[in-house]
Amino acid sequence: MAKVVVQMWNLIMDHNVNPLKNIQDLQTRHLFMQLLAWMWCVIFASSLGSFLAFGISAIAHSLLIAGVAITVATFDMAKKRPQYFGGLGRSNNGEHE
């Protein structure tokens, strides 16, 4: 049962698995994931008849998806350009470039 839940989660939420994987630009994928999240927030809030539920749901979805997107972008940068993280902006002699 746990495998089925993980597979369903990945099918919807993993941008490398769902049909959004065909969009090459990571920021565009993120935008569409945000739009879908907001759509579902509106649907959920409308079904409850509460704008308070919409606000809480919208904020929670935005934070969750933004956190995932920032994490994915950081991991992607670390894989493609690990030297970007070395020295935190300082040159070899310790001064800023």
PDB file of N, CA and C in Angstrom:
ATOM      1  N   MET A   1       0.818  -1.195   0.000  1.00  0.00           N
ATOM      2  CA  MET A   1       0.000   0.000   0.000  1.00  0.00           C
ATOM      3  C   MET A   1       0.863   1.260   0.000  1.00  0.00           C
ATOM      4  N   ALA A   2       1.957   1.231   0.756  1.00  0.00           N
ATOM      5  CA  ALA A   2       2.835   2.399   0.817  1.00  0.00           C
ATOM      6  C   ALA A   2       3.443   2.703  -0.543  1.00  0.00           C
ATOM      7  N   LYS A   3       3.788   1.665  -1.315  1.00  0.00           N
ATOM      8  CA  LYS A   3       4.351   1.875  -2.644  1.00  0.00           C
ATOM      9  C   LYS A   3       3.354   2.573  -3.558  1.00  0.00           C
ATOM     10  N   VAL A   4       2.091   2.189  -3.448  1.00  0.00           N
ATOM     11  CA  VAL A   4       1.047   2.800  -4.274  1.00  0.00           C
ATOM     12  C   VAL A   4       0.908   4.283  -3.938  1.00  0.00           C
ATOM     13  N   VAL A   5       0.956   4.615  -2.653  1.00  0.00           N
ATOM     14  CA  VAL A   5       0.848   6.008  -2.234  1.00  0.00           C
ATOM     15  C   VAL A   5       2.029   6.809  -2.779  1.00  0.00           C
ATOM     16  N   VAL A   6       3.232   6.267  -2.668  1.00  0.00           N
ATOM     17  CA  VAL A   6       4.428   6.950  -3.178  1.00  0.00           C
ATOM     18  C   VAL A   6       4.341   7.124  -4.688  1.00  0.00           C
ATOM     19  N   GLN A   7       3.905   6.109  -5.404  1.00  0.00           N
ATOM     20  CA  GLN A   7       3.775   6.201  -6.860  1.00  0.00           C
ATOM     21  C   GLN A   7       2.756   7.264  -7.254  1.00  0.00           C
ATOM     22  N   MET A   8       1.635   7.311  -6.567  1.00  0.00           N
ATOM     23  CA  MET A   8       0.611   8.320  -6.860  1.00  0.00           C
ATOM     24  C   MET A   8       1.129   9.726  -6.566  1.00  0.00           C
ATOM     25  N   TRP A   9       1.831   9.858  -5.443  1.00  0.00           N
ATOM     26  CA  TRP A   9       2.428  11.153  -5.090  1.00  0.00           C
ATOM     27  C   TRP A   9       3.374  11.602  -6.195  1.00  0.00           C
ATOM     28  N   ASN A  10       4.274  10.715  -6.619  1.00  0.00           N
ATOM     29  CA  ASN A  10       5.241  11.055  -7.666  1.00  0.00           C
ATOM     30  C   ASN A  10       4.570  11.376  -8.987  1.00  0.00           C
ATOM     31  N   LEU A  11       3.516  10.656  -9.303  1.00  0.00           N
ATOM     32  CA  LEU A  11       2.807  10.894 -10.554  1.00  0.00           C
ATOM     33  C   LEU A  11       2.248  12.310 -10.615  1.00  0.00           C
ATOM     34  N   ILE A  12       1.859  12.832  -9.470  1.00  0.00           N
ATOM     35  CA  ILE A  12       1.278  14.176  -9.441  1.00  0.00           C
ATOM     36  C   ILE A  12       2.320  15.237  -9.089  1.00  0.00           C
ATOM     37  N   MET A  13       3.136  15.006  -8.082  1.00  0.00           N
ATOM     38  CA  MET A  13       3.979  16.058  -7.515  1.00  0.00           C
ATOM     39  C   MET A  13       5.419  16.096  -8.034  1.00  0.00           C
ATOM     40  N   ASP A  14       5.924  15.015  -8.597  1.00  0.00           N
ATOM     41  CA  ASP A  14       7.313  14.989  -9.058  1.00  0.00           C
ATOM     42  C   ASP A  14       7.384  15.486 -10.495  1.00  0.00           C
ATOM     43  N   HIS A  15       8.025  16.638 -10.673  1.00  0.00           N
ATOM     44  CA  HIS A  15       8.080  17.232 -12.004  1.00  0.00           C
ATOM     45  C   HIS A  15       8.920  16.420 -12.982  1.00  0.00           C
ATOM     46  N   ASN A  16       9.686  15.465 -12.490  1.00  0.00           N
ATOM     47  CA  ASN A  16      10.444  14.578 -13.378  1.00  0.00           C
ATOM     48  C   ASN A  16       9.623  13.366 -13.818  1.00  0.00           C
ATOM     49  N   VAL A  17       8.453  13.169 -13.213  1.00  0.00           N
ATOM     50  CA  VAL A  17       7.604  12.018 -13.512  1.00  0.00           C
ATOM     51  C   VAL A  17       6.325  12.453 -14.213  1.00  0.00           C
ATOM     52  N   ASN A  18       5.699  13.526 -13.738  1.00  0.00           N
ATOM     53  CA  ASN A  18       4.416  13.939 -14.322  1.00  0.00           C
ATOM     54  C   ASN A  18       4.625  14.536 -15.724  1.00  0.00           C
ATOM     55  N   PRO A  19       3.566  14.778 -16.464  1.00  0.00           N
ATOM     56  CA  PRO A  19       3.698  15.284 -17.833  1.00  0.00           C
ATOM     57  C   PRO A  19       4.405  16.636 -17.958  1.00  0.00           C
ATOM     58  N   LEU A  20       4.544  17.373 -16.863  1.00  0.00           N
ATOM     59  CA  LEU A  20       5.282  18.633 -16.928  1.00  0.00           C
ATOM     60  C   LEU A  20       6.766  18.411 -17.188  1.00  0.00           C
ATOM     61  N   LYS A  21       7.229  17.174 -17.098  1.00  0.00           N
ATOM     62  CA  LYS A  21       8.642  16.874 -17.374  1.00  0.00           C
ATOM     63  C   LYS A  21       9.027  17.263 -18.794  1.00  0.00           C
ATOM     64  N   ASN A  22       8.037  17.396 -19.680  1.00  0.00           N
ATOM     65  CA  ASN A  22       8.307  17.764 -21.071  1.00  0.00           C
ATOM     66  C   ASN A  22       8.610  19.248 -21.233  1.00  0.00           C
ATOM     67  N   ILE A  23       8.350  20.048 -20.208  1.00  0.00           N
ATOM     68  CA  ILE A  23       8.699  21.474 -20.229  1.00  0.00           C
ATOM     69  C   ILE A  23      10.150  21.585 -19.784  1.00  0.00           C
ATOM     70  N   GLN A  24      11.004  22.095 -20.649  1.00  0.00           N
ATOM     71  CA  GLN A  24      12.443  22.117 -20.374  1.00  0.00           C
ATOM     72  C   GLN A  24      12.840  23.113 -19.288  1.00  0.00           C
ATOM     73  N   ASP A  25      12.190  24.273 -19.246  1.00  0.00           N
ATOM     74  CA  ASP A  25      12.565  25.328 -18.317  1.00  0.00           C
ATOM     75  C   ASP A  25      12.014  25.047 -16.916  1.00  0.00           C
ATOM     76  N   LEU A  26      12.903  24.972 -15.926  1.00  0.00           N
ATOM     77  CA  LEU A  26      12.515  24.656 -14.554  1.00  0.00           C
ATOM     78  C   LEU A  26      11.573  25.708 -13.980  1.00  0.00           C
ATOM     79  N   GLN A  27      11.817  26.985 -14.276  1.00  0.00           N
ATOM     80  CA  GLN A  27      10.963  28.041 -13.749  1.00  0.00           C
ATOM     81  C   GLN A  27       9.550  27.959 -14.320  1.00  0.00           C
ATOM     82  N   THR A  28       9.429  27.574 -15.592  1.00  0.00           N
ATOM     83  CA  THR A  28       8.111  27.417 -16.203  1.00  0.00           C
ATOM     84  C   THR A  28       7.376  26.253 -15.566  1.00  0.00           C
ATOM     85  N   ARG A  29       8.087  25.160 -15.303  1.00  0.00           N
ATOM     86  CA  ARG A  29       7.466  24.029 -14.598  1.00  0.00           C
ATOM     87  C   ARG A  29       6.966  24.468 -13.232  1.00  0.00           C
ATOM     88  N   HIS A  30       7.797  25.224 -12.529  1.00  0.00           N
ATOM     89  CA  HIS A  30       7.413  25.721 -11.211  1.00  0.00           C
ATOM     90  C   HIS A  30       6.165  26.592 -11.301  1.00  0.00           C
ATOM     91  N   LEU A  31       6.110  27.464 -12.298  1.00  0.00           N
ATOM     92  CA  LEU A  31       4.945  28.327 -12.483  1.00  0.00           C
ATOM     93  C   LEU A  31       3.677  27.501 -12.656  1.00  0.00           C
ATOM     94  N   PHE A  32       3.731  26.489 -13.500  1.00  0.00           N
ATOM     95  CA  PHE A  32       2.546  25.682 -13.733  1.00  0.00           C
ATOM     96  C   PHE A  32       2.167  24.843 -12.509  1.00  0.00           C
ATOM     97  N   MET A  33       3.156  24.391 -11.743  1.00  0.00           N
ATOM     98  CA  MET A  33       2.838  23.689 -10.500  1.00  0.00           C
ATOM     99  C   MET A  33       2.150  24.650  -9.519  1.00  0.00           C
ATOM    100  N   GLN A  34       2.610  25.904  -9.468  1.00  0.00           N
ATOM    101  CA  GLN A  34       1.965  26.904  -8.610  1.00  0.00           C
ATOM    102  C   GLN A  34       0.530  27.166  -9.063  1.00  0.00           C
ATOM    103  N   LEU A  35       0.336  27.322 -10.371  1.00  0.00           N
ATOM    104  CA  LEU A  35      -1.013  27.577 -10.884  1.00  0.00           C
ATOM    105  C   LEU A  35      -1.960  26.423 -10.563  1.00  0.00           C
ATOM    106  N   LEU A  36      -1.474  25.206 -10.720  1.00  0.00           N
ATOM    107  CA  LEU A  36      -2.303  24.043 -10.377  1.00  0.00           C
ATOM    108  C   LEU A  36      -2.610  24.006  -8.884  1.00  0.00           C
ATOM    109  N   ALA A  37      -1.631  24.340  -8.069  1.00  0.00           N
ATOM    110  CA  ALA A  37      -1.848  24.353  -6.624  1.00  0.00           C
ATOM    111  C   ALA A  37      -2.909  25.391  -6.249  1.00  0.00           C
ATOM    112  N   TRP A  38      -2.806  26.586  -6.837  1.00  0.00           N
ATOM    113  CA  TRP A  38      -3.803  27.628  -6.558  1.00  0.00           C
ATOM    114  C   TRP A  38      -5.185  27.191  -7.033  1.00  0.00           C
ATOM    115  N   MET A  39      -5.246  26.534  -8.182  1.00  0.00           N
ATOM    116  CA  MET A  39      -6.525  26.051  -8.674  1.00  0.00           C
ATOM    117  C   MET A  39      -7.165  25.105  -7.658  1.00  0.00           C
ATOM    118  N   TRP A  40      -6.367  24.164  -7.124  1.00  0.00           N
ATOM    119  CA  TRP A  40      -6.904  23.213  -6.165  1.00  0.00           C
ATOM    120  C   TRP A  40      -7.242  23.887  -4.839  1.00  0.00           C
ATOM    121  N   CYS A  41      -6.517  24.933  -4.480  1.00  0.00           N
ATOM    122  CA  CYS A  41      -6.875  25.698  -3.279  1.00  0.00           C
ATOM    123  C   CYS A  41      -8.256  26.326  -3.441  1.00  0.00           C
ATOM    124  N   VAL A  42      -8.501  26.900  -4.612  1.00  0.00           N
ATOM    125  CA  VAL A  42      -9.798  27.522  -4.883  1.00  0.00           C
ATOM    126  C   VAL A  42     -10.899  26.467  -4.864  1.00  0.00           C
ATOM    127  N   ILE A  43     -10.660  25.329  -5.500  1.00  0.00           N
ATOM    128  CA  ILE A  43     -11.655  24.250  -5.521  1.00  0.00           C
ATOM    129  C   ILE A  43     -11.959  23.770  -4.100  1.00  0.00           C
ATOM    130  N   PHE A  44     -10.909  23.561  -3.311  1.00  0.00           N
ATOM    131  CA  PHE A  44     -11.094  23.086  -1.937  1.00  0.00           C
ATOM    132  C   PHE A  44     -11.866  24.108  -1.105  1.00  0.00           C
ATOM    133  N   ALA A  45     -11.461  25.384  -1.197  1.00  0.00           N
ATOM    134  CA  ALA A  45     -12.127  26.425  -0.423  1.00  0.00           C
ATOM    135  C   ALA A  45     -13.579  26.597  -0.862  1.00  0.00           C
ATOM    136  N   SER A  46     -13.823  26.521  -2.158  1.00  0.00           N
ATOM    137  CA  SER A  46     -15.194  26.650  -2.664  1.00  0.00           C
ATOM    138  C   SER A  46     -16.067  25.508  -2.174  1.00  0.00           C
ATOM    139  N   SER A  47     -15.492  24.320  -2.134  1.00  0.00           N
ATOM    140  CA  SER A  47     -16.281  23.177  -1.677  1.00  0.00           C
ATOM    141  C   SER A  47     -16.627  23.293  -0.187  1.00  0.00           C
ATOM    142  N   LEU A  48     -15.759  23.959   0.573  1.00  0.00           N
ATOM    143  CA  LEU A  48     -16.043  24.191   1.986  1.00  0.00           C
ATOM    144  C   LEU A  48     -16.848  25.461   2.208  1.00  0.00           C
ATOM    145  N   GLY A  49     -16.862  26.322   1.199  1.00  0.00           N
ATOM    146  CA  GLY A  49     -17.570  27.587   1.331  1.00  0.00           C
ATOM    147  C   GLY A  49     -16.857  28.561   2.244  1.00  0.00           C
ATOM    148  N   SER A  50     -15.545  28.478   2.298  1.00  0.00           N
ATOM    149  CA  SER A  50     -14.791  29.302   3.238  1.00  0.00           C
ATOM    150  C   SER A  50     -13.583  29.947   2.563  1.00  0.00           C
ATOM    151  N   PHE A  51     -13.529  31.278   2.650  1.00  0.00           N
ATOM    152  CA  PHE A  51     -12.347  31.958   2.141  1.00  0.00           C
ATOM    153  C   PHE A  51     -11.186  31.855   3.120  1.00  0.00           C
ATOM    154  N   LEU A  52     -11.477  31.618   4.380  1.00  0.00           N
ATOM    155  CA  LEU A  52     -10.415  31.369   5.352  1.00  0.00           C
ATOM    156  C   LEU A  52      -9.665  30.094   4.976  1.00  0.00           C
ATOM    157  N   ALA A  53     -10.419  29.061   4.585  1.00  0.00           N
ATOM    158  CA  ALA A  53      -9.783  27.812   4.145  1.00  0.00           C
ATOM    159  C   ALA A  53      -8.944  28.056   2.899  1.00  0.00           C
ATOM    160  N   PHE A  54      -9.421  28.923   2.012  1.00  0.00           N
ATOM    161  CA  PHE A  54      -8.648  29.243   0.805  1.00  0.00           C
ATOM    162  C   PHE A  54      -7.324  29.898   1.173  1.00  0.00           C
ATOM    163  N   GLY A  55      -7.370  30.871   2.055  1.00  0.00           N
ATOM    164  CA  GLY A  55      -6.146  31.580   2.435  1.00  0.00           C
ATOM    165  C   GLY A  55      -5.117  30.656   3.063  1.00  0.00           C
ATOM    166  N   ILE A  56      -5.565  29.843   3.991  1.00  0.00           N
ATOM    167  CA  ILE A  56      -4.643  28.900   4.651  1.00  0.00           C
ATOM    168  C   ILE A  56      -4.101  27.896   3.644  1.00  0.00           C
ATOM    169  N   SER A  57      -4.987  27.363   2.813  1.00  0.00           N
ATOM    170  CA  SER A  57      -4.577  26.369   1.818  1.00  0.00           C
ATOM    171  C   SER A  57      -3.632  26.975   0.781  1.00  0.00           C
ATOM    172  N   ALA A  58      -3.928  28.187   0.330  1.00  0.00           N
ATOM    173  CA  ALA A  58      -3.084  28.845  -0.672  1.00  0.00           C
ATOM    174  C   ALA A  58      -1.688  29.115  -0.127  1.00  0.00           C
ATOM    175  N   ILE A  59      -1.620  29.608   1.092  1.00  0.00           N
ATOM    176  CA  ILE A  59      -0.310  29.876   1.706  1.00  0.00           C
ATOM    177  C   ILE A  59       0.469  28.581   1.903  1.00  0.00           C
ATOM    178  N   ALA A  60      -0.192  27.550   2.398  1.00  0.00           N
ATOM    179  CA  ALA A  60       0.481  26.268   2.624  1.00  0.00           C
ATOM    180  C   ALA A  60       0.994  25.679   1.316  1.00  0.00           C
ATOM    181  N   HIS A  61       0.162  25.711   0.266  1.00  0.00           N
ATOM    182  CA  HIS A  61       0.593  25.180  -1.028  1.00  0.00           C
ATOM    183  C   HIS A  61       1.755  25.993  -1.599  1.00  0.00           C
ATOM    184  N   SER A  62       1.679  27.302  -1.503  1.00  0.00           N
ATOM    185  CA  SER A  62       2.753  28.156  -2.023  1.00  0.00           C
ATOM    186  C   SER A  62       4.077  27.864  -1.323  1.00  0.00           C
ATOM    187  N   LEU A  63       4.027  27.764  -0.003  1.00  0.00           N
ATOM    188  CA  LEU A  63       5.251  27.476   0.743  1.00  0.00           C
ATOM    189  C   LEU A  63       5.808  26.101   0.412  1.00  0.00           C
ATOM    190  N   LEU A  64       4.950  25.115   0.334  1.00  0.00           N
ATOM    191  CA  LEU A  64       5.393  23.754   0.022  1.00  0.00           C
ATOM    192  C   LEU A  64       6.037  23.685  -1.359  1.00  0.00           C
ATOM    193  N   ILE A  65       5.361  24.207  -2.357  1.00  0.00           N
ATOM    194  CA  ILE A  65       5.875  24.124  -3.723  1.00  0.00           C
ATOM    195  C   ILE A  65       7.117  24.997  -3.888  1.00  0.00           C
ATOM    196  N   ALA A  66       7.142  26.173  -3.289  1.00  0.00           N
ATOM    197  CA  ALA A  66       8.333  27.020  -3.371  1.00  0.00           C
ATOM    198  C   ALA A  66       9.523  26.330  -2.705  1.00  0.00           C
ATOM    199  N   GLY A  67       9.291  25.699  -1.568  1.00  0.00           N
ATOM    200  CA  GLY A  67      10.377  24.981  -0.896  1.00  0.00           C
ATOM    201  C   GLY A  67      10.921  23.848  -1.741  1.00  0.00           C
ATOM    202  N   VAL A  68      10.023  23.103  -2.355  1.00  0.00           N
ATOM    203  CA  VAL A  68      10.458  22.006  -3.232  1.00  0.00           C
ATOM    204  C   VAL A  68      11.227  22.561  -4.427  1.00  0.00           C
ATOM    205  N   ALA A  69      10.720  23.626  -5.041  1.00  0.00           N
ATOM    206  CA  ALA A  69      11.382  24.202  -6.212  1.00  0.00           C
ATOM    207  C   ALA A  69      12.770  24.746  -5.870  1.00  0.00           C
ATOM    208  N   ILE A  70      12.901  25.429  -4.743  1.00  0.00           N
ATOM    209  CA  ILE A  70      14.198  25.965  -4.334  1.00  0.00           C
ATOM    210  C   ILE A  70      15.174  24.827  -4.039  1.00  0.00           C
ATOM    211  N   THR A  71      14.696  23.773  -3.408  1.00  0.00           N
ATOM    212  CA  THR A  71      15.545  22.616  -3.120  1.00  0.00           C
ATOM    213  C   THR A  71      16.010  21.960  -4.411  1.00  0.00           C
ATOM    214  N   VAL A  72      15.093  21.746  -5.346  1.00  0.00           N
ATOM    215  CA  VAL A  72      15.452  21.132  -6.628  1.00  0.00           C
ATOM    216  C   VAL A  72      16.448  22.008  -7.380  1.00  0.00           C
ATOM    217  N   ALA A  73      16.224  23.316  -7.409  1.00  0.00           N
ATOM    218  CA  ALA A  73      17.144  24.226  -8.101  1.00  0.00           C
ATOM    219  C   ALA A  73      18.525  24.209  -7.452  1.00  0.00           C
ATOM    220  N   THR A  74      18.571  24.159  -6.126  1.00  0.00           N
ATOM    221  CA  THR A  74      19.858  24.111  -5.428  1.00  0.00           C
ATOM    222  C   THR A  74      20.591  22.809  -5.730  1.00  0.00           C
ATOM    223  N   PHE A  75      19.868  21.688  -5.666  1.00  0.00           N
ATOM    224  CA  PHE A  75      20.490  20.400  -5.984  1.00  0.00           C
ATOM    225  C   PHE A  75      20.971  20.369  -7.431  1.00  0.00           C
ATOM    226  N   ASP A  76      20.184  20.929  -8.337  1.00  0.00           N
ATOM    227  CA  ASP A  76      20.559  20.956  -9.748  1.00  0.00           C
ATOM    228  C   ASP A  76      21.821  21.794  -9.951  1.00  0.00           C
ATOM    229  N   MET A  77      21.904  22.938  -9.293  1.00  0.00           N
ATOM    230  CA  MET A  77      23.085  23.795  -9.392  1.00  0.00           C
ATOM    231  C   MET A  77      24.299  23.096  -8.790  1.00  0.00           C
ATOM    232  N   ALA A  78      24.104  22.394  -7.668  1.00  0.00           N
ATOM    233  CA  ALA A  78      25.215  21.684  -7.035  1.00  0.00           C
ATOM    234  C   ALA A  78      25.732  20.569  -7.933  1.00  0.00           C
ATOM    235  N   LYS A  79      24.842  19.962  -8.698  1.00  0.00           N
ATOM    236  CA  LYS A  79      25.265  18.887  -9.596  1.00  0.00           C
ATOM    237  C   LYS A  79      25.970  19.446 -10.828  1.00  0.00           C
ATOM    238  N   LYS A  80      25.447  20.523 -11.391  1.00  0.00           N
ATOM    239  CA  LYS A  80      25.991  21.055 -12.641  1.00  0.00           C
ATOM    240  C   LYS A  80      27.176  21.988 -12.427  1.00  0.00           C
ATOM    241  N   ARG A  81      27.142  22.793 -11.352  1.00  0.00           N
ATOM    242  CA  ARG A  81      28.197  23.783 -11.113  1.00  0.00           C
ATOM    243  C   ARG A  81      28.592  23.800  -9.637  1.00  0.00           C
ATOM    244  N   PRO A  82      29.223  22.745  -9.141  1.00  0.00           N
ATOM    245  CA  PRO A  82      29.569  22.704  -7.716  1.00  0.00           C
ATOM    246  C   PRO A  82      30.542  23.804  -7.309  1.00  0.00           C
ATOM    247  N   GLN A  83      31.333  24.301  -8.235  1.00  0.00           N
ATOM    248  CA  GLN A  83      32.282  25.362  -7.911  1.00  0.00           C
ATOM    249  C   GLN A  83      31.569  26.649  -7.511  1.00  0.00           C
ATOM    250  N   TYR A  84      30.315  26.796  -7.872  1.00  0.00           N
ATOM    251  CA  TYR A  84      29.529  27.976  -7.504  1.00  0.00           C
ATOM    252  C   TYR A  84      29.417  28.121  -5.990  1.00  0.00           C
ATOM    253  N   PHE A  85      29.418  27.004  -5.271  1.00  0.00           N
ATOM    254  CA  PHE A  85      29.247  27.031  -3.830  1.00  0.00           C
ATOM    255  C   PHE A  85      30.561  27.165  -3.071  1.00  0.00           C
ATOM    256  N   GLY A  86      31.676  26.986  -3.746  1.00  0.00           N
ATOM    257  CA  GLY A  86      32.968  27.047  -3.082  1.00  0.00           C
ATOM    258  C   GLY A  86      33.351  28.458  -2.692  1.00  0.00           C
ATOM    259  N   GLY A  87      33.710  28.674  -1.443  1.00  0.00           N
ATOM    260  CA  GLY A  87      34.201  29.966  -0.986  1.00  0.00           C
ATOM    261  C   GLY A  87      33.132  30.999  -0.721  1.00  0.00           C
ATOM    262  N   LEU A  88      31.918  30.726  -1.070  1.00  0.00           N
ATOM    263  CA  LEU A  88      30.805  31.650  -0.836  1.00  0.00           C
ATOM    264  C   LEU A  88      31.102  33.061  -1.335  1.00  0.00           C
ATOM    265  N   GLY A  89      31.605  33.150  -2.570  1.00  0.00           N
ATOM    266  CA  GLY A  89      31.811  34.448  -3.202  1.00  0.00           C
ATOM    267  C   GLY A  89      33.176  35.054  -2.986  1.00  0.00           C
ATOM    268  N   ARG A  90      34.069  34.342  -2.347  1.00  0.00           N
ATOM    269  CA  ARG A  90      35.409  34.883  -2.110  1.00  0.00           C
ATOM    270  C   ARG A  90      36.403  34.237  -3.070  1.00  0.00           C
ATOM    271  N   SER A  91      37.416  35.000  -3.432  1.00  0.00           N
ATOM    272  CA  SER A  91      38.458  34.462  -4.315  1.00  0.00           C
ATOM    273  C   SER A  91      39.455  33.670  -3.460  1.00  0.00           C
ATOM    274  N   ASN A  92      40.474  33.135  -4.110  1.00  0.00           N
ATOM    275  CA  ASN A  92      41.451  32.279  -3.412  1.00  0.00           C
ATOM    276  C   ASN A  92      42.182  32.989  -2.289  1.00  0.00           C
ATOM    277  N   ASN A  93      42.411  34.323  -2.420  1.00  0.00           N
ATOM    278  CA  ASN A  93      43.124  35.040  -1.370  1.00  0.00           C
ATOM    279  C   ASN A  93      42.185  35.558  -0.266  1.00  0.00           C
ATOM    280  N   GLY A  94      40.925  35.195  -0.326  1.00  0.00           N
ATOM    281  CA  GLY A  94      39.993  35.544   0.734  1.00  0.00           C
ATOM    282  C   GLY A  94      39.216  36.820   0.511  1.00  0.00           C
ATOM    283  N   GLU A  95      39.521  37.544  -0.571  1.00  0.00           N
ATOM    284  CA  GLU A  95      38.820  38.782  -0.851  1.00  0.00           C
ATOM    285  C   GLU A  95      37.660  38.538  -1.818  1.00  0.00           C
ATOM    286  N   HIS A  96      36.713  39.458  -1.823  1.00  0.00           N
ATOM    287  CA  HIS A  96      35.612  39.363  -2.789  1.00  0.00           C
ATOM    288  C   HIS A  96      36.138  39.613  -4.184  1.00  0.00           C
ATOM    289  N   GLU A  97      35.500  38.972  -5.148  1.00  0.00           N
ATOM    290  CA  GLU A  97      35.937  39.169  -6.534  1.00  0.00           C
ATOM    291  C   GLU A  97      35.376  40.458  -7.084  1.00  0.00           C
TER     292      GLU A  97
END
